[in-house]
Amino acid sequence: MGERRRAHRGCLRRGDRRLPPHRARLSRVTAVAFSELAGFVFDLDGCVWNGLVLNPGAGEALAALHRAGRRLGFLSNNSRATGRELRDRLHALGVTVAEHVLTPLEILGEVITERWGRSRVLVIGAREVEEAIVRAGHAVVDMNDWRTAHAVAVGNDFDLTYERLTAAARVAAATGRLVTPNVDPRLPIENGEFLPGCGAIVKAVAVAAGVEPVIVGKPEPPLFRIALERLGLPASKVAMVGDSVASDIVGARGVGMPTVLYAPQRGGTATAADAVVRSFAELARLAGI
């Protein structure tokens, strides 16, 4: 999953008295380059919003970045919505600058094709997962016919039953083919609460089946690379901003992007990301706007 990738080596010592306190958390590259970057890519859940509520200052900071000419992209590991659906949700919340929004559902079916060819797939997850798989030319298998499946795709399933979990594990064990949009253990929602994430379900299936999942979303490279292509910018000119070290920071570093950890309620260090911010106001200052 890329978590063994080396951390950025250009970190300043915390005790460097030549820098203001907040700058001591930034790398040597970060201290001079963030105001010069041409674009920013944002995680959504836990960063731009929690549940159906924008995080404080997010809308204002995004609008200011857009006015300053920065190109903006959004990456979500959401396994229940397409990029278009999330873009519409952002627009409804007043973030009208959101155009480039990607989720793993954009490429889920393509990944199955590349790995295993046209397949019969058992789906544990939302209707949107099934639709993404069918669009790519695969057939979705009814749970009662799980023995005929060539692979199993596991997303976040709010109607999960033990019977469905069992069928998924049996398909994965029989075929060795388990694919998932993400392995995020939690889905952040309003008021600091969370729901068990897609990763919690995938972990149960993988352990029972004795197989490792193929991960489509972050921290794997494809979504990051597609975002950069849509922005028309090289990785070195675009920062990834997110709240998950394992998903956002590790993944972005894997493709060469500078990184910002959004950590309003917990500590962060320069070894986790090139910069750590506690608020969107601090991010705006970092970006020089």
Protein backbone atom coordinates (compact mmCIF):
# COMPACT_ATOMS: atom_id res chain seq x y z
CA MET A 1 0.00 0.00 0.00
CA GLY A 2 2.98 2.28 -0.16
CA GLU A 3 3.22 2.92 3.58
CA ARG A 4 6.85 1.87 3.51
CA ARG A 5 7.83 4.68 1.18
CA ARG A 6 10.54 6.90 2.56
CA ALA A 7 9.53 10.08 4.30
CA HIS A 8 10.66 13.41 2.86
CA ARG A 9 14.22 14.08 3.97
CA GLY A 10 14.14 17.85 3.91
CA CYS A 11 12.62 18.48 7.35
CA LEU A 12 13.81 21.32 9.54
CA ARG A 13 14.64 20.58 13.14
CA ARG A 14 11.94 21.57 15.60
CA GLY A 15 14.47 23.56 17.52
CA ASP A 16 15.48 25.80 14.63
CA ARG A 17 15.01 29.21 16.25
CA ARG A 18 15.34 31.12 13.02
CA LEU A 19 11.77 30.24 12.04
CA PRO A 20 8.45 31.16 13.67
CA PRO A 21 6.90 28.29 15.69
CA HIS A 22 4.44 27.22 12.98
CA ARG A 23 7.18 27.14 10.37
CA ALA A 24 9.18 24.66 12.43
CA ARG A 25 6.70 22.01 11.33
CA LEU A 26 7.47 22.57 7.64
CA SER A 27 10.10 20.98 5.45
CA ARG A 28 12.85 23.01 3.83
CA VAL A 29 11.07 22.72 0.46
CA THR A 30 7.68 23.59 1.94
CA ALA A 31 8.90 26.77 3.63
CA VAL A 32 9.66 28.40 0.29
CA ALA A 33 7.44 26.65 -2.24
CA PHE A 34 3.79 26.49 -1.16
CA SER A 35 3.04 30.05 -2.20
CA GLU A 36 4.47 29.22 -5.63
CA LEU A 37 2.46 26.08 -6.32
CA ALA A 38 0.04 26.12 -9.24
CA GLY A 39 -2.57 23.77 -7.83
CA PHE A 40 -4.04 22.01 -4.81
CA VAL A 41 -5.89 18.70 -4.57
CA PHE A 42 -8.15 18.18 -1.57
CA ASP A 43 -9.46 15.12 0.20
CA LEU A 44 -13.16 15.46 1.04
CA ASP A 45 -14.29 13.31 4.00
CA GLY A 46 -12.62 14.60 7.15
CA CYS A 47 -10.92 17.45 5.32
CA VAL A 48 -13.23 19.65 3.23
CA TRP A 49 -16.32 18.31 4.98
CA ASN A 50 -17.60 15.98 7.66
CA GLY A 51 -20.84 14.32 6.66
CA LEU A 52 -22.99 17.02 5.06
CA VAL A 53 -21.25 19.99 6.69
CA LEU A 54 -18.26 21.95 5.36
CA ASN A 55 -15.41 22.28 7.80
CA PRO A 56 -14.85 25.83 9.14
CA GLY A 57 -13.27 28.12 6.58
CA ALA A 58 -13.16 25.50 3.82
CA GLY A 59 -15.48 27.31 1.42
CA GLU A 60 -13.73 30.64 1.89
CA ALA A 61 -10.24 29.17 1.45
CA LEU A 62 -11.20 27.27 -1.70
CA ALA A 63 -12.78 30.38 -3.22
CA ALA A 64 -9.68 32.42 -2.38
CA LEU A 65 -7.38 29.84 -3.96
CA HIS A 66 -9.52 29.89 -7.10
CA ARG A 67 -9.45 33.70 -7.26
CA ALA A 68 -5.66 33.56 -6.92
CA GLY A 69 -5.50 31.42 -10.05
CA ARG A 70 -4.70 28.10 -8.38
CA ARG A 71 -6.13 25.02 -10.07
CA LEU A 72 -8.21 22.85 -7.76
CA GLY A 73 -8.99 19.15 -7.68
CA PHE A 74 -10.78 16.89 -5.23
CA LEU A 75 -10.13 13.22 -4.47
CA SER A 76 -12.43 11.08 -2.36
CA ASN A 77 -12.22 7.41 -1.45
CA ASN A 78 -16.03 7.41 -1.30
CA SER A 79 -17.33 4.00 -2.36
CA ARG A 80 -20.95 5.13 -2.65
CA ALA A 81 -20.78 8.07 -5.06
CA THR A 82 -19.29 9.14 -8.37
CA GLY A 83 -17.20 12.24 -8.87
CA ARG A 84 -20.14 13.98 -10.55
CA GLU A 85 -22.40 13.29 -7.56
CA LEU A 86 -19.84 14.68 -5.13
CA ARG A 87 -19.26 17.71 -7.35
CA ASP A 88 -22.99 18.42 -7.28
CA ARG A 89 -22.96 18.07 -3.50
CA LEU A 90 -20.08 20.55 -3.24
CA HIS A 91 -21.92 23.00 -5.49
CA ALA A 92 -25.02 22.69 -3.29
CA LEU A 93 -22.87 23.62 -0.28
CA GLY A 94 -21.61 26.72 -2.08
CA VAL A 95 -18.28 25.36 -3.33
CA THR A 96 -18.95 26.28 -6.95
CA VAL A 97 -15.23 26.21 -7.81
CA ALA A 98 -15.25 22.39 -7.62
CA GLU A 99 -15.04 20.89 -11.10
CA HIS A 100 -12.45 18.12 -11.01
CA VAL A 101 -13.77 15.55 -8.51
CA LEU A 102 -12.70 11.90 -8.58
CA THR A 103 -13.67 8.76 -6.68
CA PRO A 104 -12.52 5.13 -7.07
CA LEU A 105 -15.80 4.33 -8.84
CA GLU A 106 -14.42 6.11 -11.91
CA ILE A 107 -11.90 3.32 -12.47
CA LEU A 108 -13.17 0.33 -10.45
CA GLY A 109 -14.52 -1.57 -13.45
CA GLU A 110 -11.41 -0.80 -15.48
CA VAL A 111 -9.18 -2.23 -12.75
CA ILE A 112 -11.21 -5.46 -12.71
CA THR A 113 -10.86 -5.72 -16.50
CA GLU A 114 -7.10 -5.12 -16.41
CA ARG A 115 -6.59 -7.68 -13.66
CA TRP A 116 -9.01 -10.45 -14.58
CA GLY A 117 -10.77 -9.63 -17.84
CA ARG A 118 -14.54 -9.47 -18.20
CA SER A 119 -15.89 -11.03 -15.02
CA ARG A 120 -18.93 -12.08 -13.04
CA VAL A 121 -18.65 -10.04 -9.85
CA LEU A 122 -20.34 -10.37 -6.48
CA VAL A 123 -20.82 -6.87 -5.06
CA ILE A 124 -21.01 -5.99 -1.38
CA GLY A 125 -21.79 -2.30 -1.31
CA ALA A 126 -24.00 0.44 -2.68
CA ARG A 127 -25.94 0.46 -5.94
CA GLU A 128 -23.34 2.87 -7.34
CA VAL A 129 -20.65 0.17 -7.07
CA GLU A 130 -22.79 -2.23 -9.08
CA GLU A 131 -23.46 0.44 -11.71
CA ALA A 132 -19.75 1.24 -12.06
CA ILE A 133 -18.96 -2.44 -12.59
CA VAL A 134 -21.75 -2.95 -15.14
CA ARG A 135 -20.66 0.17 -17.09
CA ALA A 136 -17.27 -1.48 -17.57
CA GLY A 137 -18.89 -4.52 -19.17
CA HIS A 138 -18.96 -6.92 -16.23
CA ALA A 139 -21.93 -8.88 -14.88
CA VAL A 140 -23.10 -8.49 -11.28
CA VAL A 141 -23.90 -11.78 -9.55
CA ASP A 142 -26.83 -12.20 -7.17
CA MET A 143 -25.80 -13.22 -3.68
CA ASN A 144 -27.63 -16.53 -4.00
CA ASP A 145 -25.44 -17.35 -7.03
CA TRP A 146 -22.14 -16.45 -5.35
CA ARG A 147 -20.57 -19.75 -6.46
CA THR A 148 -20.65 -18.52 -10.07
CA ALA A 149 -18.69 -15.34 -9.31
CA HIS A 150 -15.18 -14.79 -10.66
CA ALA A 151 -14.39 -12.03 -8.16
CA VAL A 152 -15.87 -10.01 -5.30
CA ALA A 153 -15.96 -6.21 -4.98
CA VAL A 154 -16.43 -4.84 -1.47
CA GLY A 155 -17.50 -1.26 -0.76
CA ASN A 156 -19.12 0.36 2.25
CA ASP A 157 -22.41 -1.47 2.77
CA PHE A 158 -24.91 0.20 5.13
CA ASP A 159 -27.18 -2.86 4.82
CA LEU A 160 -24.48 -5.43 5.51
CA THR A 161 -25.63 -8.78 6.89
CA TYR A 162 -23.66 -11.76 8.10
CA GLU A 163 -24.99 -13.69 5.12
CA ARG A 164 -23.58 -11.14 2.67
CA LEU A 165 -20.28 -11.02 4.55
CA THR A 166 -20.04 -14.81 4.38
CA ALA A 167 -20.75 -14.90 0.64
CA ALA A 168 -18.06 -12.28 0.00
CA ALA A 169 -15.47 -14.18 2.04
CA ARG A 170 -16.28 -17.44 0.27
CA VAL A 171 -15.91 -15.89 -3.19
CA ALA A 172 -12.61 -14.29 -2.21
CA ALA A 173 -11.34 -17.56 -0.77
CA ALA A 174 -12.39 -19.58 -3.82
CA THR A 175 -11.07 -17.18 -6.47
CA GLY A 176 -8.34 -15.19 -4.70
CA ARG A 177 -9.90 -12.08 -6.28
CA LEU A 178 -10.96 -9.32 -3.89
CA VAL A 179 -11.14 -5.69 -5.02
CA THR A 180 -12.15 -2.62 -3.04
CA PRO A 181 -12.43 1.14 -3.58
CA ASN A 182 -10.51 1.81 -0.35
CA VAL A 183 -9.34 0.43 2.97
CA ASP A 184 -10.18 3.47 5.11
CA PRO A 185 -11.25 2.13 8.53
CA ARG A 186 -13.53 5.08 9.35
CA LEU A 187 -15.95 7.38 7.56
CA PRO A 188 -15.96 10.79 9.34
CA ILE A 189 -19.38 12.39 9.81
CA GLU A 190 -20.81 15.42 11.62
CA ASN A 191 -19.96 16.45 15.20
CA GLY A 192 -16.71 14.50 15.31
CA GLU A 193 -18.47 11.14 14.99
CA PHE A 194 -17.71 8.38 12.51
CA LEU A 195 -19.14 5.30 10.84
CA PRO A 196 -17.18 2.09 10.21
CA GLY A 197 -15.53 2.58 6.85
CA CYS A 198 -15.10 0.41 3.81
CA GLY A 199 -11.79 -0.84 5.18
CA ALA A 200 -13.46 -2.32 8.24
CA ILE A 201 -15.63 -4.55 6.04
CA VAL A 202 -12.82 -5.40 3.64
CA LYS A 203 -10.58 -6.41 6.53
CA ALA A 204 -13.15 -8.91 7.75
CA VAL A 205 -13.51 -10.43 4.28
CA ALA A 206 -9.76 -10.52 3.65
CA VAL A 207 -8.93 -12.15 6.98
CA ALA A 208 -11.66 -14.77 6.60
CA ALA A 209 -10.63 -15.55 3.02
CA GLY A 210 -6.88 -15.38 3.54
CA VAL A 211 -6.33 -13.00 0.61
CA GLU A 212 -5.08 -9.43 0.18
CA PRO A 213 -7.40 -6.92 -1.51
CA VAL A 214 -6.62 -5.02 -4.69
CA ILE A 215 -7.07 -1.35 -3.69
CA VAL A 216 -8.40 1.02 -6.35
CA GLY A 217 -8.42 4.34 -4.47
CA LYS A 218 -5.95 6.18 -2.28
CA PRO A 219 -3.14 5.55 -1.38
CA GLU A 220 -2.60 3.75 -4.69
CA PRO A 221 -1.29 5.96 -7.55
CA PRO A 222 -4.06 5.93 -10.23
CA LEU A 223 -6.47 8.53 -8.79
CA PHE A 224 -3.62 10.93 -7.99
CA ARG A 225 -2.26 10.61 -11.53
CA ILE A 226 -5.67 11.16 -13.12
CA ALA A 227 -6.17 14.27 -10.96
CA LEU A 228 -2.83 15.67 -12.11
CA GLU A 229 -3.71 14.95 -15.75
CA ARG A 230 -7.02 16.78 -15.43
CA LEU A 231 -5.31 19.78 -13.84
CA GLY A 232 -2.65 19.72 -16.54
CA LEU A 233 0.14 20.12 -14.00
CA PRO A 234 3.20 18.11 -12.91
CA ALA A 235 3.17 16.50 -9.47
CA SER A 236 5.82 18.87 -8.12
CA LYS A 237 3.51 21.86 -8.72
CA VAL A 238 0.42 20.47 -6.94
CA ALA A 239 -0.04 19.91 -3.21
CA MET A 240 -2.26 17.22 -1.73
CA VAL A 241 -4.25 18.36 1.32
CA GLY A 242 -5.86 15.68 3.49
CA ASP A 243 -6.49 14.43 7.01
CA SER A 244 -5.21 10.85 6.58
CA VAL A 245 -1.51 10.10 6.66
CA ALA A 246 -2.00 6.52 5.43
CA SER A 247 -4.32 7.47 2.57
CA ASP A 248 -3.66 11.07 1.50
CA ILE A 249 -0.09 11.80 2.54
CA VAL A 250 1.53 8.45 1.74
CA GLY A 251 -0.32 8.21 -1.57
CA ALA A 252 0.56 11.73 -2.72
CA ARG A 253 4.21 11.31 -1.80
CA GLY A 254 4.24 8.14 -3.85
CA VAL A 255 3.61 10.17 -7.02
CA GLY A 256 5.87 13.08 -6.03
CA MET A 257 3.34 15.63 -4.76
CA PRO A 258 4.05 18.02 -1.86
CA THR A 259 1.74 17.26 1.07
CA VAL A 260 -0.28 19.12 3.70
CA LEU A 261 -1.81 17.29 6.66
CA TYR A 262 -5.06 18.89 7.84
CA ALA A 263 -5.11 18.13 11.57
CA PRO A 264 -7.45 20.49 13.47
CA GLN A 265 -7.85 18.31 16.56
CA ARG A 266 -4.66 16.33 16.82
CA GLY A 267 -0.92 16.75 16.63
CA GLY A 268 1.12 16.37 13.51
CA THR A 269 4.80 16.49 12.69
CA ALA A 270 6.90 17.41 9.72
CA THR A 271 7.78 13.73 9.28
CA ALA A 272 4.11 12.95 8.53
CA ALA A 273 3.78 15.57 5.78
CA ASP A 274 5.61 18.53 4.30
CA ALA A 275 3.30 20.82 6.28
CA VAL A 276 0.72 20.49 9.04
CA VAL A 277 -2.17 22.97 9.34
CA ARG A 278 -4.82 23.26 12.03
CA SER A 279 -7.35 25.22 9.97
CA PHE A 280 -8.20 26.36 6.47
CA ALA A 281 -7.20 29.88 7.48
CA GLU A 282 -3.71 28.56 8.21
CA LEU A 283 -3.71 26.75 4.87
CA ALA A 284 -4.58 30.00 3.10
CA ARG A 285 -1.65 31.75 4.79
CA LEU A 286 0.64 28.90 3.82
CA ALA A 287 -0.48 29.25 0.20
CA GLY A 288 0.25 32.97 0.29
CA ILE A 289 -3.31 34.17 -0.30
